[in-house]
Amino acid sequence: MNPLELAGARPGPAFTVMFDGRPVRALPGQTVAAVLWAAGVTSWRTTRDEGRPRGVFCGIGVCFDCLVTVNDRPNQRACLVPVRPGDVIGTQQGTGHAGAGDGRDSHAG
């Protein structure tokens, strides 16, 4: 059964956000992680040193595995950031700072 039906939820109308250049359907109140999961995307970050894929791990904002770039702002925790109409979301490579091996995301792994 659809979770929205189970909860009796009546979200506002769907809207579109962009993820890595493709449109993705979103509902008001969803986090970036929820939108990406619903679209079948399970990885949206690569680790700094080895480029290993990462997505949601804890889902509550404690870890930093779900870092993503939102509207050109790197290091956003996808499990905490609510989507807004027109958001542009991108897979984050390493630190999220092009060419920077500066360790700014020292919590990410």
N, C-alpha and C. Protein backbone atom coordinates (compact mmCIF):
# COMPACT_ATOMS: atom_id res chain seq x y z
N MET A 1 0.83 -1.18 0.00
CA MET A 1 0.00 0.00 0.00
C MET A 1 0.88 1.25 0.00
N ASN A 2 0.39 2.29 -0.57
CA ASN A 2 1.09 3.56 -0.65
C ASN A 2 1.17 4.19 0.75
N PRO A 3 2.39 4.59 1.19
CA PRO A 3 2.53 5.20 2.52
C PRO A 3 1.67 6.45 2.72
N LEU A 4 1.43 7.22 1.66
CA LEU A 4 0.59 8.41 1.78
C LEU A 4 -0.83 8.01 2.17
N GLU A 5 -1.31 6.89 1.60
CA GLU A 5 -2.65 6.41 1.93
C GLU A 5 -2.70 5.90 3.36
N LEU A 6 -1.65 5.19 3.78
CA LEU A 6 -1.61 4.67 5.15
C LEU A 6 -1.68 5.79 6.17
N ALA A 7 -0.99 6.87 5.91
CA ALA A 7 -0.93 7.99 6.86
C ALA A 7 -2.09 8.96 6.69
N GLY A 8 -2.86 8.78 5.62
CA GLY A 8 -3.94 9.72 5.36
C GLY A 8 -3.41 11.08 4.95
N ALA A 9 -2.18 11.11 4.42
CA ALA A 9 -1.54 12.37 4.04
C ALA A 9 -2.18 12.96 2.79
N ARG A 10 -2.25 14.26 2.77
CA ARG A 10 -2.75 14.98 1.61
C ARG A 10 -1.77 16.11 1.28
N PRO A 11 -0.62 15.73 0.69
CA PRO A 11 0.38 16.77 0.37
C PRO A 11 -0.14 17.68 -0.74
N GLY A 12 0.49 18.83 -0.85
CA GLY A 12 0.15 19.76 -1.92
C GLY A 12 0.53 19.15 -3.26
N PRO A 13 0.32 19.89 -4.33
CA PRO A 13 0.61 19.37 -5.66
C PRO A 13 2.10 19.10 -5.87
N ALA A 14 2.36 18.08 -6.67
CA ALA A 14 3.75 17.71 -7.00
C ALA A 14 4.39 18.82 -7.82
N PHE A 15 5.71 18.86 -7.76
CA PHE A 15 6.49 19.80 -8.56
C PHE A 15 7.75 19.09 -9.02
N THR A 16 8.54 19.75 -9.82
CA THR A 16 9.73 19.14 -10.40
C THR A 16 10.99 19.80 -9.88
N VAL A 17 11.97 18.98 -9.57
CA VAL A 17 13.32 19.45 -9.28
C VAL A 17 14.23 18.75 -10.28
N MET A 18 15.44 19.24 -10.42
CA MET A 18 16.39 18.62 -11.34
C MET A 18 17.46 17.88 -10.55
N PHE A 19 17.77 16.68 -10.98
CA PHE A 19 18.86 15.92 -10.37
C PHE A 19 19.80 15.47 -11.48
N ASP A 20 21.03 15.93 -11.41
CA ASP A 20 22.03 15.61 -12.43
C ASP A 20 21.49 15.78 -13.85
N GLY A 21 20.75 16.87 -14.04
CA GLY A 21 20.26 17.24 -15.36
C GLY A 21 18.97 16.59 -15.79
N ARG A 22 18.34 15.80 -14.93
CA ARG A 22 17.07 15.19 -15.31
C ARG A 22 15.97 15.60 -14.33
N PRO A 23 14.75 15.75 -14.84
CA PRO A 23 13.65 16.14 -13.96
C PRO A 23 13.24 15.00 -13.03
N VAL A 24 12.92 15.35 -11.79
CA VAL A 24 12.49 14.38 -10.80
C VAL A 24 11.27 14.96 -10.09
N ARG A 25 10.27 14.13 -9.88
CA ARG A 25 9.02 14.55 -9.23
C ARG A 25 9.23 14.63 -7.72
N ALA A 26 8.68 15.68 -7.12
CA ALA A 26 8.80 15.88 -5.68
C ALA A 26 7.45 16.33 -5.12
N LEU A 27 7.28 16.07 -3.83
CA LEU A 27 6.08 16.52 -3.13
C LEU A 27 6.47 17.50 -2.03
N PRO A 28 5.62 18.47 -1.72
CA PRO A 28 5.93 19.40 -0.63
C PRO A 28 6.22 18.63 0.66
N GLY A 29 7.25 19.08 1.36
CA GLY A 29 7.61 18.47 2.63
C GLY A 29 8.63 17.35 2.54
N GLN A 30 8.90 16.85 1.34
CA GLN A 30 9.89 15.80 1.20
C GLN A 30 11.30 16.37 1.31
N THR A 31 12.19 15.55 1.84
CA THR A 31 13.61 15.91 1.84
C THR A 31 14.21 15.52 0.50
N VAL A 32 15.40 16.04 0.25
CA VAL A 32 16.12 15.67 -0.97
C VAL A 32 16.28 14.15 -1.02
N ALA A 33 16.66 13.54 0.10
CA ALA A 33 16.85 12.09 0.14
C ALA A 33 15.57 11.34 -0.22
N ALA A 34 14.44 11.76 0.32
CA ALA A 34 13.17 11.10 0.04
C ALA A 34 12.82 11.20 -1.44
N VAL A 35 13.05 12.36 -2.03
CA VAL A 35 12.76 12.56 -3.45
C VAL A 35 13.65 11.65 -4.30
N LEU A 36 14.94 11.60 -3.96
CA LEU A 36 15.85 10.77 -4.76
C LEU A 36 15.53 9.30 -4.59
N TRP A 37 15.26 8.86 -3.38
CA TRP A 37 14.87 7.46 -3.16
C TRP A 37 13.63 7.11 -3.97
N ALA A 38 12.62 7.98 -3.93
CA ALA A 38 11.38 7.72 -4.66
C ALA A 38 11.63 7.63 -6.17
N ALA A 39 12.67 8.30 -6.64
CA ALA A 39 13.03 8.27 -8.06
C ALA A 39 13.95 7.09 -8.38
N GLY A 40 14.26 6.27 -7.38
CA GLY A 40 15.11 5.10 -7.61
C GLY A 40 16.59 5.38 -7.51
N VAL A 41 16.95 6.57 -7.03
CA VAL A 41 18.36 6.94 -6.89
C VAL A 41 18.80 6.61 -5.47
N THR A 42 19.86 5.82 -5.33
CA THR A 42 20.31 5.43 -3.99
C THR A 42 21.71 5.93 -3.67
N SER A 43 22.37 6.54 -4.62
CA SER A 43 23.72 7.08 -4.40
C SER A 43 23.82 8.44 -5.07
N TRP A 44 24.32 9.43 -4.31
CA TRP A 44 24.45 10.78 -4.88
C TRP A 44 25.68 11.51 -4.34
N ARG A 45 26.65 10.75 -3.88
CA ARG A 45 27.92 11.33 -3.45
C ARG A 45 28.99 10.29 -3.67
N THR A 46 30.20 10.76 -3.96
CA THR A 46 31.35 9.86 -4.01
C THR A 46 32.34 10.29 -2.94
N THR A 47 33.05 9.30 -2.39
CA THR A 47 34.01 9.62 -1.34
C THR A 47 35.19 10.38 -1.90
N ARG A 48 35.84 11.10 -1.02
CA ARG A 48 36.94 11.99 -1.37
C ARG A 48 38.11 11.26 -2.03
N ASP A 49 38.59 10.19 -1.44
CA ASP A 49 39.82 9.57 -1.93
C ASP A 49 39.60 8.50 -2.99
N GLU A 50 38.62 7.65 -2.80
CA GLU A 50 38.48 6.51 -3.70
C GLU A 50 37.26 6.59 -4.62
N GLY A 51 36.45 7.61 -4.48
CA GLY A 51 35.30 7.77 -5.37
C GLY A 51 34.22 6.73 -5.18
N ARG A 52 34.10 6.19 -3.97
CA ARG A 52 33.07 5.18 -3.71
C ARG A 52 31.71 5.84 -3.55
N PRO A 53 30.66 5.19 -4.04
CA PRO A 53 29.32 5.78 -3.97
C PRO A 53 28.75 5.78 -2.55
N ARG A 54 28.01 6.83 -2.24
CA ARG A 54 27.34 6.96 -0.95
C ARG A 54 25.95 7.55 -1.14
N GLY A 55 25.07 7.27 -0.19
CA GLY A 55 23.71 7.81 -0.17
C GLY A 55 23.32 7.96 1.28
N VAL A 56 22.08 7.63 1.62
CA VAL A 56 21.63 7.74 3.00
C VAL A 56 22.19 6.59 3.83
N PHE A 57 22.70 6.90 5.00
CA PHE A 57 23.15 5.89 5.94
C PHE A 57 22.28 5.95 7.20
N CYS A 58 22.34 7.07 7.91
CA CYS A 58 21.56 7.15 9.16
C CYS A 58 20.16 7.71 8.92
N GLY A 59 20.02 8.62 7.97
CA GLY A 59 18.71 9.19 7.66
C GLY A 59 18.20 10.23 8.65
N ILE A 60 19.02 10.61 9.64
CA ILE A 60 18.56 11.57 10.64
C ILE A 60 19.53 12.73 10.85
N GLY A 61 20.50 12.90 9.97
CA GLY A 61 21.39 14.04 10.04
C GLY A 61 22.59 13.90 10.94
N VAL A 62 22.86 12.69 11.43
CA VAL A 62 23.99 12.48 12.32
C VAL A 62 25.28 12.24 11.53
N CYS A 63 25.20 11.41 10.50
CA CYS A 63 26.38 11.11 9.69
C CYS A 63 26.45 12.09 8.52
N PHE A 64 27.42 11.90 7.68
CA PHE A 64 27.59 12.80 6.52
C PHE A 64 27.67 12.01 5.22
N ASP A 65 27.10 10.81 5.19
CA ASP A 65 27.14 10.01 3.97
C ASP A 65 26.26 10.57 2.86
N CYS A 66 25.21 11.29 3.19
CA CYS A 66 24.24 11.71 2.18
C CYS A 66 24.51 13.11 1.61
N LEU A 67 25.72 13.59 1.74
CA LEU A 67 26.03 14.93 1.23
C LEU A 67 25.72 15.05 -0.25
N VAL A 68 25.17 16.18 -0.62
CA VAL A 68 24.74 16.44 -1.98
C VAL A 68 24.91 17.93 -2.25
N THR A 69 24.96 18.30 -3.50
CA THR A 69 25.00 19.71 -3.87
C THR A 69 23.59 20.16 -4.23
N VAL A 70 23.12 21.24 -3.59
CA VAL A 70 21.79 21.78 -3.86
C VAL A 70 21.96 23.25 -4.23
N ASN A 71 21.51 23.59 -5.44
CA ASN A 71 21.60 24.97 -5.93
C ASN A 71 23.02 25.51 -5.78
N ASP A 72 23.98 24.72 -6.22
CA ASP A 72 25.41 25.07 -6.21
C ASP A 72 26.02 25.16 -4.82
N ARG A 73 25.32 24.72 -3.80
CA ARG A 73 25.85 24.70 -2.43
C ARG A 73 26.24 23.27 -2.08
N PRO A 74 27.52 22.97 -1.99
CA PRO A 74 27.95 21.61 -1.65
C PRO A 74 27.73 21.29 -0.17
N ASN A 75 27.88 20.02 0.14
CA ASN A 75 27.86 19.53 1.52
C ASN A 75 26.52 19.73 2.23
N GLN A 76 25.44 19.60 1.51
CA GLN A 76 24.10 19.66 2.10
C GLN A 76 23.67 18.23 2.45
N ARG A 77 23.19 18.02 3.66
CA ARG A 77 22.74 16.68 4.05
C ARG A 77 21.35 16.43 3.47
N ALA A 78 21.31 15.51 2.52
CA ALA A 78 20.07 15.23 1.77
C ALA A 78 18.93 14.78 2.67
N CYS A 79 19.25 14.17 3.79
CA CYS A 79 18.19 13.68 4.69
C CYS A 79 17.55 14.81 5.49
N LEU A 80 18.14 16.00 5.49
CA LEU A 80 17.62 17.12 6.26
C LEU A 80 17.06 18.26 5.41
N VAL A 81 17.54 18.39 4.19
CA VAL A 81 17.18 19.54 3.35
C VAL A 81 15.84 19.29 2.65
N PRO A 82 14.83 20.13 2.91
CA PRO A 82 13.57 19.99 2.18
C PRO A 82 13.72 20.51 0.75
N VAL A 83 13.08 19.83 -0.18
CA VAL A 83 13.14 20.30 -1.57
C VAL A 83 12.17 21.44 -1.76
N ARG A 84 12.52 22.27 -2.73
CA ARG A 84 11.66 23.40 -3.10
C ARG A 84 11.54 23.40 -4.62
N PRO A 85 10.42 23.88 -5.13
CA PRO A 85 10.27 23.93 -6.59
C PRO A 85 11.46 24.64 -7.23
N GLY A 86 11.97 24.06 -8.29
CA GLY A 86 13.08 24.65 -9.03
C GLY A 86 14.46 24.29 -8.52
N ASP A 87 14.55 23.54 -7.43
CA ASP A 87 15.87 23.15 -6.92
C ASP A 87 16.66 22.38 -7.97
N VAL A 88 17.95 22.63 -7.98
CA VAL A 88 18.87 21.91 -8.85
C VAL A 88 19.81 21.13 -7.92
N ILE A 89 19.70 19.82 -7.99
CA ILE A 89 20.44 18.92 -7.11
C ILE A 89 21.46 18.17 -7.94
N GLY A 90 22.66 18.01 -7.40
CA GLY A 90 23.70 17.30 -8.15
C GLY A 90 24.47 16.33 -7.28
N THR A 91 24.92 15.26 -7.90
CA THR A 91 25.81 14.33 -7.23
C THR A 91 27.05 15.08 -6.79
N GLN A 92 27.45 14.88 -5.56
CA GLN A 92 28.64 15.56 -5.04
C GLN A 92 29.85 14.66 -5.21
N GLN A 93 30.88 15.19 -5.84
CA GLN A 93 32.14 14.48 -6.02
C GLN A 93 33.10 14.91 -4.93
N GLY A 94 33.54 13.97 -4.10
CA GLY A 94 34.52 14.29 -3.06
C GLY A 94 34.06 15.38 -2.12
N THR A 95 34.87 16.43 -2.00
CA THR A 95 34.56 17.52 -1.07
C THR A 95 33.45 18.44 -1.58
N GLY A 96 33.12 18.34 -2.86
CA GLY A 96 32.13 19.23 -3.42
C GLY A 96 32.70 20.55 -3.88
N HIS A 97 33.99 20.72 -3.68
CA HIS A 97 34.68 21.93 -4.11
C HIS A 97 35.64 21.52 -5.22
N ALA A 98 35.27 21.81 -6.45
CA ALA A 98 36.05 21.39 -7.61
C ALA A 98 37.53 21.69 -7.44
N GLY A 99 38.33 20.65 -7.57
CA GLY A 99 39.78 20.81 -7.50
C GLY A 99 40.33 21.01 -6.11
N ALA A 100 39.48 20.94 -5.11
CA ALA A 100 39.94 21.20 -3.75
C ALA A 100 40.14 19.89 -3.01
N GLY A 101 41.35 19.60 -2.67
CA GLY A 101 41.65 18.45 -1.84
C GLY A 101 41.93 18.93 -0.44
N ASP A 102 41.14 19.89 0.02
CA ASP A 102 41.43 20.59 1.25
C ASP A 102 40.82 19.95 2.50
N GLY A 103 40.09 18.85 2.33
CA GLY A 103 39.52 18.16 3.47
C GLY A 103 38.37 18.89 4.14
N ARG A 104 37.71 19.82 3.44
CA ARG A 104 36.62 20.57 4.05
C ARG A 104 35.46 19.68 4.48
N ASP A 105 35.36 18.48 3.91
CA ASP A 105 34.30 17.58 4.39
C ASP A 105 34.93 16.46 5.20
N SER A 106 35.72 16.83 6.16
CA SER A 106 36.50 15.88 6.94
C SER A 106 35.64 14.84 7.66
N HIS A 107 34.34 15.09 7.79
CA HIS A 107 33.46 14.10 8.41
C HIS A 107 33.03 13.05 7.41
N ALA A 108 33.17 13.32 6.11
CA ALA A 108 32.71 12.39 5.08
C ALA A 108 33.84 11.47 4.69
N GLY A 109 33.43 10.26 4.35
CA GLY A 109 34.40 9.35 4.17
C GLY A 109 34.97 8.65 3.15
